[in-house]
Amino acid sequence: MLADDLARWAADARADEAGRARARARWLRRQAEDEATFAGLLVDLAERGTPVVARTTVGRRHRGTVAGVAADFVLLRPDSGWWLLLPFDAVATIRPIERAGEAATGRRLPGLDLLLGEALEAMAGDRSRVAIVTMGTGEPVSGELEAVGDDVVTVRLDGPGRERVFVRLAAVAEIAVETR
């Protein structure tokens, strides 16, 4: 009967279109994954407010939310209450805690137009309390952020002597900044 044939034809057409739509969606996802950048992924995570676990190249793990993305570092708001500045070169992995099945699709530019040294320089004027971990050590240098040069950070250490320590900016793996 013609009505039955038309119903079968319509069902087949809908099934074919659904298959084409799924294939198109897979292709678009794959294309987005192929064009993803680390900074763009971080921007996407920041906009979604997705909690993440960041693992650094010195083996430390931090859980928090991406609060900002700059040209060469990510600003992480960890559960601990201190802000973290993680240079891209020191971030080994970022693992979203929610929506773990989503692929990396970010291809956007960082929202903060500054470099790590510039951010530290701005904080030095406020004499911020910091804990700086360097590559290869994993041990923090804690104290008051005193000055930032072209490639060196000066920290006045906590404790009785209040000595200064000079940290090579390129050696920084993470910087924790006390919130005020």
N, C-alpha and C. Protein backbone atom coordinates (compact mmCIF):
# COMPACT_ATOMS: atom_id res chain seq x y z
N MET A 1 0.84 -1.17 0.00
CA MET A 1 0.00 0.00 0.00
C MET A 1 0.89 1.25 0.00
N LEU A 2 0.45 2.28 -0.68
CA LEU A 2 1.23 3.50 -0.87
C LEU A 2 1.52 4.19 0.46
N ALA A 3 0.58 4.25 1.36
CA ALA A 3 0.79 4.92 2.65
C ALA A 3 1.91 4.23 3.43
N ASP A 4 1.94 2.91 3.39
CA ASP A 4 3.00 2.16 4.09
C ASP A 4 4.35 2.43 3.45
N ASP A 5 4.38 2.47 2.10
CA ASP A 5 5.63 2.75 1.39
C ASP A 5 6.14 4.16 1.73
N LEU A 6 5.23 5.14 1.75
CA LEU A 6 5.62 6.51 2.09
C LEU A 6 6.13 6.60 3.53
N ALA A 7 5.52 5.90 4.45
CA ALA A 7 5.96 5.91 5.86
C ALA A 7 7.36 5.30 5.97
N ARG A 8 7.59 4.17 5.23
CA ARG A 8 8.92 3.55 5.25
C ARG A 8 9.95 4.50 4.63
N TRP A 9 9.60 5.14 3.52
CA TRP A 9 10.51 6.08 2.86
C TRP A 9 10.83 7.24 3.80
N ALA A 10 9.86 7.79 4.49
CA ALA A 10 10.09 8.89 5.42
C ALA A 10 10.97 8.45 6.58
N ALA A 11 10.74 7.25 7.09
CA ALA A 11 11.56 6.73 8.20
C ALA A 11 12.99 6.53 7.75
N ASP A 12 13.18 5.99 6.54
CA ASP A 12 14.53 5.80 6.00
C ASP A 12 15.23 7.15 5.80
N ALA A 13 14.51 8.12 5.30
CA ALA A 13 15.08 9.45 5.07
C ALA A 13 15.51 10.08 6.40
N ARG A 14 14.65 9.94 7.43
CA ARG A 14 15.00 10.48 8.76
C ARG A 14 16.24 9.78 9.32
N ALA A 15 16.32 8.47 9.15
CA ALA A 15 17.47 7.71 9.65
C ALA A 15 18.74 8.13 8.90
N ASP A 16 18.64 8.31 7.58
CA ASP A 16 19.79 8.75 6.80
C ASP A 16 20.25 10.14 7.25
N GLU A 17 19.30 11.04 7.44
CA GLU A 17 19.64 12.41 7.87
C GLU A 17 20.27 12.40 9.27
N ALA A 18 19.74 11.58 10.17
CA ALA A 18 20.32 11.48 11.51
C ALA A 18 21.75 10.96 11.43
N GLY A 19 22.01 10.00 10.59
CA GLY A 19 23.36 9.47 10.40
C GLY A 19 24.30 10.53 9.85
N ARG A 20 23.82 11.29 8.85
CA ARG A 20 24.64 12.38 8.30
C ARG A 20 24.92 13.45 9.36
N ALA A 21 23.93 13.75 10.19
CA ALA A 21 24.11 14.76 11.25
C ALA A 21 25.14 14.28 12.27
N ARG A 22 25.09 12.98 12.63
CA ARG A 22 26.08 12.45 13.58
C ARG A 22 27.48 12.49 12.97
N ALA A 23 27.59 12.14 11.70
CA ALA A 23 28.90 12.17 11.03
C ALA A 23 29.42 13.60 10.94
N ARG A 24 28.54 14.54 10.64
CA ARG A 24 28.93 15.95 10.56
C ARG A 24 29.40 16.45 11.93
N ALA A 25 28.68 16.08 12.99
CA ALA A 25 29.06 16.49 14.35
C ALA A 25 30.41 15.90 14.73
N ARG A 26 30.64 14.60 14.39
CA ARG A 26 31.95 13.98 14.67
C ARG A 26 33.05 14.71 13.92
N TRP A 27 32.81 15.06 12.66
CA TRP A 27 33.82 15.75 11.86
C TRP A 27 34.12 17.12 12.46
N LEU A 28 33.10 17.86 12.87
CA LEU A 28 33.31 19.18 13.47
C LEU A 28 34.08 19.07 14.79
N ARG A 29 33.74 18.05 15.62
CA ARG A 29 34.48 17.85 16.87
C ARG A 29 35.94 17.53 16.58
N ARG A 30 36.17 16.67 15.62
CA ARG A 30 37.55 16.29 15.27
C ARG A 30 38.33 17.49 14.77
N GLN A 31 37.69 18.31 13.94
CA GLN A 31 38.35 19.50 13.42
C GLN A 31 38.70 20.45 14.56
N ALA A 32 37.79 20.62 15.50
CA ALA A 32 38.05 21.49 16.66
C ALA A 32 39.19 20.93 17.50
N GLU A 33 39.24 19.63 17.69
CA GLU A 33 40.33 19.00 18.45
C GLU A 33 41.66 19.21 17.75
N ASP A 34 41.68 19.09 16.43
CA ASP A 34 42.92 19.24 15.67
C ASP A 34 43.45 20.67 15.72
N GLU A 35 42.59 21.64 15.94
CA GLU A 35 43.00 23.04 15.97
C GLU A 35 43.16 23.58 17.39
N ALA A 36 43.01 22.74 18.39
CA ALA A 36 43.05 23.19 19.79
C ALA A 36 44.44 23.68 20.18
N THR A 37 44.46 24.68 21.05
CA THR A 37 45.70 25.14 21.67
C THR A 37 45.54 25.01 23.18
N PHE A 38 46.67 24.94 23.88
CA PHE A 38 46.63 24.80 25.33
C PHE A 38 45.97 26.03 25.95
N ALA A 39 46.36 27.21 25.50
CA ALA A 39 45.77 28.44 26.04
C ALA A 39 44.27 28.50 25.74
N GLY A 40 43.88 28.11 24.53
CA GLY A 40 42.47 28.13 24.17
C GLY A 40 41.65 27.17 25.02
N LEU A 41 42.20 26.00 25.28
CA LEU A 41 41.53 25.04 26.15
C LEU A 41 41.33 25.64 27.55
N LEU A 42 42.38 26.29 28.06
CA LEU A 42 42.28 26.90 29.40
C LEU A 42 41.23 28.01 29.42
N VAL A 43 41.13 28.79 28.35
CA VAL A 43 40.10 29.84 28.27
C VAL A 43 38.71 29.20 28.33
N ASP A 44 38.52 28.11 27.59
CA ASP A 44 37.23 27.40 27.63
C ASP A 44 36.92 26.90 29.04
N LEU A 45 37.89 26.32 29.72
CA LEU A 45 37.69 25.82 31.07
C LEU A 45 37.37 26.96 32.04
N ALA A 46 38.03 28.09 31.85
CA ALA A 46 37.77 29.25 32.72
C ALA A 46 36.34 29.74 32.53
N GLU A 47 35.88 29.83 31.29
CA GLU A 47 34.53 30.32 31.02
C GLU A 47 33.46 29.38 31.56
N ARG A 48 33.75 28.09 31.53
CA ARG A 48 32.79 27.12 32.06
C ARG A 48 32.84 27.00 33.57
N GLY A 49 33.93 27.49 34.18
CA GLY A 49 34.08 27.34 35.63
C GLY A 49 34.32 25.90 36.03
N THR A 50 34.89 25.13 35.13
CA THR A 50 35.12 23.70 35.37
C THR A 50 36.28 23.50 36.35
N PRO A 51 36.05 22.80 37.45
CA PRO A 51 37.16 22.48 38.35
C PRO A 51 38.16 21.58 37.63
N VAL A 52 39.45 21.79 37.91
CA VAL A 52 40.51 21.02 37.27
C VAL A 52 41.53 20.56 38.30
N VAL A 53 42.34 19.61 37.89
CA VAL A 53 43.54 19.24 38.62
C VAL A 53 44.70 19.54 37.69
N ALA A 54 45.59 20.42 38.14
CA ALA A 54 46.78 20.76 37.36
C ALA A 54 47.97 20.02 37.97
N ARG A 55 48.72 19.35 37.14
CA ARG A 55 49.94 18.68 37.60
C ARG A 55 51.12 19.42 36.95
N THR A 56 52.07 19.80 37.79
CA THR A 56 53.22 20.53 37.27
C THR A 56 54.35 19.57 36.93
N THR A 57 55.35 20.09 36.24
CA THR A 57 56.49 19.28 35.85
C THR A 57 57.38 18.92 37.04
N VAL A 58 57.17 19.56 38.19
CA VAL A 58 57.92 19.19 39.39
C VAL A 58 57.14 18.19 40.24
N GLY A 59 56.03 17.68 39.70
CA GLY A 59 55.29 16.61 40.36
C GLY A 59 54.25 17.05 41.36
N ARG A 60 53.96 18.34 41.43
CA ARG A 60 52.95 18.83 42.37
C ARG A 60 51.60 18.86 41.68
N ARG A 61 50.54 18.65 42.48
CA ARG A 61 49.17 18.67 41.96
C ARG A 61 48.39 19.75 42.68
N HIS A 62 47.55 20.44 41.90
CA HIS A 62 46.71 21.50 42.45
C HIS A 62 45.31 21.35 41.90
N ARG A 63 44.35 21.41 42.80
CA ARG A 63 42.94 21.34 42.40
C ARG A 63 42.36 22.75 42.54
N GLY A 64 41.61 23.18 41.54
CA GLY A 64 41.00 24.51 41.59
C GLY A 64 40.27 24.82 40.30
N THR A 65 40.04 26.11 40.10
CA THR A 65 39.36 26.56 38.88
C THR A 65 40.27 27.55 38.15
N VAL A 66 40.24 27.49 36.84
CA VAL A 66 41.01 28.42 36.03
C VAL A 66 40.34 29.79 36.14
N ALA A 67 41.08 30.75 36.69
CA ALA A 67 40.52 32.09 36.89
C ALA A 67 40.96 33.06 35.79
N GLY A 68 42.02 32.74 35.08
CA GLY A 68 42.49 33.60 34.01
C GLY A 68 43.59 32.93 33.22
N VAL A 69 43.76 33.37 31.98
CA VAL A 69 44.78 32.82 31.11
C VAL A 69 45.54 34.00 30.50
N ALA A 70 46.85 33.98 30.65
CA ALA A 70 47.70 35.04 30.11
C ALA A 70 48.55 34.47 28.97
N ALA A 71 49.46 35.28 28.48
CA ALA A 71 50.27 34.87 27.34
C ALA A 71 51.15 33.67 27.64
N ASP A 72 51.68 33.58 28.88
CA ASP A 72 52.60 32.48 29.19
C ASP A 72 52.33 31.81 30.53
N PHE A 73 51.19 32.09 31.13
CA PHE A 73 50.84 31.42 32.39
C PHE A 73 49.34 31.35 32.57
N VAL A 74 48.94 30.45 33.48
CA VAL A 74 47.53 30.30 33.83
C VAL A 74 47.38 30.68 35.30
N LEU A 75 46.30 31.37 35.61
CA LEU A 75 45.97 31.75 36.98
C LEU A 75 44.94 30.77 37.49
N LEU A 76 45.29 30.06 38.54
CA LEU A 76 44.42 29.03 39.09
C LEU A 76 43.98 29.45 40.48
N ARG A 77 42.68 29.35 40.72
CA ARG A 77 42.12 29.62 42.06
C ARG A 77 41.93 28.26 42.73
N PRO A 78 42.93 27.87 43.54
CA PRO A 78 42.83 26.53 44.15
C PRO A 78 41.91 26.53 45.36
N ASP A 79 41.59 25.33 45.81
CA ASP A 79 40.75 25.17 46.98
C ASP A 79 41.45 25.68 48.24
N SER A 80 42.78 25.78 48.23
CA SER A 80 43.55 26.17 49.41
C SER A 80 43.37 27.63 49.80
N GLY A 81 42.95 28.47 48.88
CA GLY A 81 42.77 29.88 49.20
C GLY A 81 43.87 30.78 48.65
N TRP A 82 45.06 30.25 48.36
CA TRP A 82 46.11 31.04 47.73
C TRP A 82 45.92 30.97 46.22
N TRP A 83 46.20 32.05 45.52
CA TRP A 83 46.15 32.05 44.06
C TRP A 83 47.42 31.37 43.55
N LEU A 84 47.33 30.71 42.42
CA LEU A 84 48.49 30.08 41.82
C LEU A 84 48.72 30.61 40.41
N LEU A 85 49.94 30.99 40.14
CA LEU A 85 50.35 31.36 38.79
C LEU A 85 51.24 30.23 38.31
N LEU A 86 50.81 29.55 37.24
CA LEU A 86 51.55 28.40 36.71
C LEU A 86 52.02 28.73 35.30
N PRO A 87 53.34 28.87 35.11
CA PRO A 87 53.84 29.09 33.75
C PRO A 87 53.47 27.90 32.86
N PHE A 88 53.10 28.18 31.63
CA PHE A 88 52.74 27.10 30.70
C PHE A 88 53.84 26.03 30.63
N ASP A 89 55.11 26.47 30.62
CA ASP A 89 56.22 25.52 30.51
C ASP A 89 56.29 24.56 31.69
N ALA A 90 55.66 24.91 32.80
CA ALA A 90 55.72 24.07 34.00
C ALA A 90 54.46 23.24 34.20
N VAL A 91 53.46 23.41 33.35
CA VAL A 91 52.23 22.62 33.49
C VAL A 91 52.37 21.36 32.64
N ALA A 92 52.33 20.22 33.32
CA ALA A 92 52.42 18.94 32.61
C ALA A 92 51.06 18.52 32.09
N THR A 93 50.03 18.58 32.96
CA THR A 93 48.69 18.17 32.55
C THR A 93 47.63 19.02 33.24
N ILE A 94 46.50 19.14 32.58
CA ILE A 94 45.29 19.73 33.16
C ILE A 94 44.20 18.68 32.99
N ARG A 95 43.58 18.29 34.09
CA ARG A 95 42.51 17.29 34.02
C ARG A 95 41.22 17.89 34.54
N PRO A 96 40.23 18.09 33.65
CA PRO A 96 38.93 18.58 34.13
C PRO A 96 38.30 17.54 35.05
N ILE A 97 37.73 18.00 36.15
CA ILE A 97 37.11 17.09 37.11
C ILE A 97 35.69 16.77 36.67
N GLU A 98 35.01 17.73 36.10
CA GLU A 98 33.66 17.52 35.59
C GLU A 98 33.73 17.49 34.06
N ARG A 99 32.76 16.88 33.44
CA ARG A 99 32.70 16.80 31.98
C ARG A 99 33.99 16.20 31.42
N ALA A 100 34.49 15.19 32.06
CA ALA A 100 35.79 14.62 31.69
C ALA A 100 35.79 14.06 30.27
N GLY A 101 34.64 13.74 29.72
CA GLY A 101 34.59 13.16 28.39
C GLY A 101 34.74 14.16 27.26
N GLU A 102 34.69 15.45 27.56
CA GLU A 102 34.79 16.45 26.50
C GLU A 102 36.22 16.56 25.99
N ALA A 103 36.36 16.77 24.71
CA ALA A 103 37.68 16.88 24.09
C ALA A 103 38.19 18.31 24.19
N ALA A 104 39.48 18.46 23.98
CA ALA A 104 40.11 19.77 23.95
C ALA A 104 39.71 20.46 22.65
N THR A 105 38.99 21.55 22.74
CA THR A 105 38.53 22.21 21.52
C THR A 105 38.90 23.69 21.49
N GLY A 106 39.59 24.19 22.49
CA GLY A 106 39.87 25.62 22.56
C GLY A 106 40.84 26.11 21.50
N ARG A 107 40.47 27.15 20.82
CA ARG A 107 41.34 27.78 19.82
C ARG A 107 41.29 29.29 20.03
N ARG A 108 41.11 29.73 21.25
CA ARG A 108 40.91 31.15 21.51
C ARG A 108 42.16 31.76 22.12
N LEU A 109 42.21 33.07 22.12
CA LEU A 109 43.36 33.79 22.66
C LEU A 109 43.19 34.02 24.16
N PRO A 110 44.31 34.08 24.87
CA PRO A 110 44.25 34.36 26.31
C PRO A 110 43.57 35.69 26.58
N GLY A 111 42.87 35.76 27.72
CA GLY A 111 42.15 36.97 28.07
C GLY A 111 43.00 38.02 28.76
N LEU A 112 44.11 37.61 29.38
CA LEU A 112 44.99 38.55 30.08
C LEU A 112 46.19 38.87 29.19
N ASP A 113 46.34 40.12 28.85
CA ASP A 113 47.40 40.54 27.94
C ASP A 113 48.65 40.94 28.73
N LEU A 114 49.28 39.95 29.37
CA LEU A 114 50.52 40.21 30.09
C LEU A 114 51.32 38.94 30.24
N LEU A 115 52.60 39.10 30.53
CA LEU A 115 53.50 37.99 30.76
C LEU A 115 53.68 37.76 32.26
N LEU A 116 54.21 36.61 32.62
CA LEU A 116 54.41 36.27 34.03
C LEU A 116 55.25 37.33 34.75
N GLY A 117 56.34 37.75 34.15
CA GLY A 117 57.19 38.77 34.77
C GLY A 117 56.44 40.07 35.02
N GLU A 118 55.58 40.46 34.10
CA GLU A 118 54.79 41.68 34.26
C GLU A 118 53.78 41.54 35.40
N ALA A 119 53.18 40.37 35.51
CA ALA A 119 52.23 40.13 36.60
C ALA A 119 52.94 40.19 37.95
N LEU A 120 54.11 39.58 38.03
CA LEU A 120 54.88 39.60 39.28
C LEU A 120 55.34 41.01 39.63
N GLU A 121 55.74 41.75 38.62
CA GLU A 121 56.16 43.13 38.84
C GLU A 121 55.03 43.96 39.45
N ALA A 122 53.82 43.76 38.97
CA ALA A 122 52.67 44.48 39.52
C ALA A 122 52.43 44.08 40.98
N MET A 123 52.61 42.80 41.29
CA MET A 123 52.40 42.32 42.66
C MET A 123 53.51 42.76 43.60
N ALA A 124 54.71 42.98 43.08
CA ALA A 124 55.84 43.38 43.93
C ALA A 124 55.58 44.73 44.59
N GLY A 125 54.85 45.59 43.91
CA GLY A 125 54.53 46.89 44.50
C GLY A 125 53.67 46.78 45.74
N ASP A 126 52.92 45.70 45.85
CA ASP A 126 52.06 45.47 47.02
C ASP A 126 52.75 44.64 48.09
N ARG A 127 54.01 44.24 47.83
CA ARG A 127 54.76 43.39 48.78
C ARG A 127 53.98 42.11 49.11
N SER A 128 53.45 41.49 48.09
CA SER A 128 52.65 40.27 48.26
C SER A 128 53.48 39.15 48.88
N ARG A 129 52.82 38.32 49.67
CA ARG A 129 53.46 37.12 50.21
C ARG A 129 53.33 36.03 49.16
N VAL A 130 54.46 35.39 48.88
CA VAL A 130 54.51 34.37 47.84
C VAL A 130 55.24 33.12 48.33
N ALA A 131 54.99 32.04 47.65
CA ALA A 131 55.75 30.81 47.78
C ALA A 131 56.08 30.39 46.35
N ILE A 132 57.36 30.44 46.00
CA ILE A 132 57.79 30.15 44.64
C ILE A 132 58.48 28.79 44.62
N VAL A 133 58.01 27.93 43.73
CA VAL A 133 58.62 26.62 43.53
C VAL A 133 59.35 26.68 42.20
N THR A 134 60.60 26.21 42.20
CA THR A 134 61.39 26.25 40.97
C THR A 134 61.53 24.86 40.37
N MET A 135 61.85 24.83 39.09
CA MET A 135 62.08 23.57 38.37
C MET A 135 63.19 22.79 39.06
N GLY A 136 62.99 21.51 39.18
CA GLY A 136 64.04 20.66 39.72
C GLY A 136 64.08 20.56 41.22
N THR A 137 63.40 21.45 41.95
CA THR A 137 63.49 21.38 43.41
C THR A 137 62.20 20.91 44.04
N GLY A 138 61.10 21.52 43.67
CA GLY A 138 59.82 21.21 44.29
C GLY A 138 59.66 21.84 45.66
N GLU A 139 60.72 22.46 46.18
CA GLU A 139 60.67 23.10 47.49
C GLU A 139 60.34 24.58 47.33
N PRO A 140 59.37 25.10 48.08
CA PRO A 140 59.03 26.52 47.92
C PRO A 140 60.02 27.46 48.62
N VAL A 141 60.20 28.61 47.99
CA VAL A 141 60.91 29.75 48.58
C VAL A 141 59.80 30.69 49.02
N SER A 142 59.65 30.89 50.33
CA SER A 142 58.51 31.66 50.85
C SER A 142 58.95 32.96 51.47
N GLY A 143 58.17 33.98 51.20
CA GLY A 143 58.46 35.28 51.78
C GLY A 143 57.69 36.39 51.09
N GLU A 144 58.26 37.57 51.17
CA GLU A 144 57.64 38.77 50.60
C GLU A 144 58.24 39.04 49.23
N LEU A 145 57.38 39.19 48.24
CA LEU A 145 57.85 39.52 46.88
C LEU A 145 58.35 40.95 46.91
N GLU A 146 59.64 41.11 46.71
CA GLU A 146 60.25 42.43 46.87
C GLU A 146 60.47 43.17 45.56
N ALA A 147 60.98 42.47 44.54
CA ALA A 147 61.27 43.14 43.27
C ALA A 147 61.29 42.11 42.15
N VAL A 148 61.09 42.61 40.93
CA VAL A 148 61.14 41.76 39.73
C VAL A 148 61.93 42.50 38.67
N GLY A 149 63.00 41.87 38.19
CA GLY A 149 63.80 42.43 37.11
C GLY A 149 63.43 41.77 35.80
N ASP A 150 64.28 41.93 34.80
CA ASP A 150 64.00 41.34 33.49
C ASP A 150 63.88 39.82 33.57
N ASP A 151 64.78 39.19 34.34
CA ASP A 151 64.77 37.74 34.41
C ASP A 151 65.04 37.21 35.82
N VAL A 152 64.83 38.05 36.83
CA VAL A 152 65.09 37.64 38.21
C VAL A 152 64.00 38.17 39.13
N VAL A 153 63.64 37.35 40.11
CA VAL A 153 62.63 37.71 41.11
C VAL A 153 63.33 37.75 42.46
N THR A 154 63.11 38.81 43.22
CA THR A 154 63.71 38.94 44.55
C THR A 154 62.65 38.72 45.61
N VAL A 155 62.95 37.78 46.52
CA VAL A 155 62.03 37.45 47.61
C VAL A 155 62.78 37.65 48.92
N ARG A 156 62.17 38.38 49.85
CA ARG A 156 62.73 38.51 51.19
C ARG A 156 62.13 37.37 52.01
N LEU A 157 63.00 36.46 52.44
CA LEU A 157 62.56 35.23 53.09
C LEU A 157 61.89 35.50 54.44
N ASP A 158 61.01 34.57 54.80
CA ASP A 158 60.43 34.57 56.14
C ASP A 158 61.52 34.14 57.12
N GLY A 159 61.32 34.44 58.37
CA GLY A 159 62.25 33.96 59.39
C GLY A 159 63.08 35.07 59.99
N PRO A 160 63.94 34.70 60.94
CA PRO A 160 64.67 35.70 61.72
C PRO A 160 65.65 36.53 60.90
N GLY A 161 66.38 35.93 59.95
CA GLY A 161 67.39 36.69 59.20
C GLY A 161 66.81 37.57 58.11
N ARG A 162 65.61 37.22 57.62
CA ARG A 162 64.94 37.95 56.54
C ARG A 162 65.88 38.20 55.35
N GLU A 163 66.68 37.16 55.02
CA GLU A 163 67.58 37.30 53.88
C GLU A 163 66.80 37.41 52.59
N ARG A 164 67.52 37.83 51.58
CA ARG A 164 66.93 37.87 50.24
C ARG A 164 67.39 36.63 49.48
N VAL A 165 66.51 36.13 48.63
CA VAL A 165 66.87 35.08 47.70
C VAL A 165 66.45 35.54 46.31
N PHE A 166 67.29 35.20 45.34
CA PHE A 166 67.05 35.63 43.97
C PHE A 166 66.69 34.39 43.15
N VAL A 167 65.56 34.45 42.48
CA VAL A 167 65.04 33.32 41.71
C VAL A 167 65.07 33.69 40.23
N ARG A 168 65.68 32.81 39.45
CA ARG A 168 65.68 33.03 38.00
C ARG A 168 64.27 32.82 37.49
N LEU A 169 63.72 33.82 36.81
CA LEU A 169 62.32 33.79 36.35
C LEU A 169 62.06 32.56 35.47
N ALA A 170 63.01 32.21 34.63
CA ALA A 170 62.82 31.06 33.73
C ALA A 170 62.78 29.73 34.49
N ALA A 171 63.22 29.71 35.74
CA ALA A 171 63.24 28.48 36.54
C ALA A 171 61.96 28.29 37.34
N VAL A 172 61.05 29.26 37.30
CA VAL A 172 59.84 29.20 38.13
C VAL A 172 58.88 28.14 37.58
N ALA A 173 58.45 27.25 38.49
CA ALA A 173 57.47 26.22 38.14
C ALA A 173 56.07 26.60 38.62
N GLU A 174 55.99 27.32 39.73
CA GLU A 174 54.70 27.78 40.22
C GLU A 174 54.92 28.88 41.26
N ILE A 175 53.94 29.74 41.35
CA ILE A 175 53.98 30.81 42.34
C ILE A 175 52.62 30.85 43.02
N ALA A 176 52.64 30.64 44.33
CA ALA A 176 51.43 30.78 45.13
C ALA A 176 51.45 32.18 45.73
N VAL A 177 50.33 32.87 45.62
CA VAL A 177 50.22 34.24 46.13
C VAL A 177 49.12 34.28 47.16
N GLU A 178 49.44 34.77 48.35
CA GLU A 178 48.46 34.85 49.42
C GLU A 178 47.39 35.88 49.07
N THR A 179 46.16 35.51 49.31
CA THR A 179 45.05 36.44 49.06
C THR A 179 44.91 37.36 50.26
N ARG A 180 44.54 38.57 49.97
CA ARG A 180 44.39 39.56 51.04
C ARG A 180 42.95 40.00 51.14
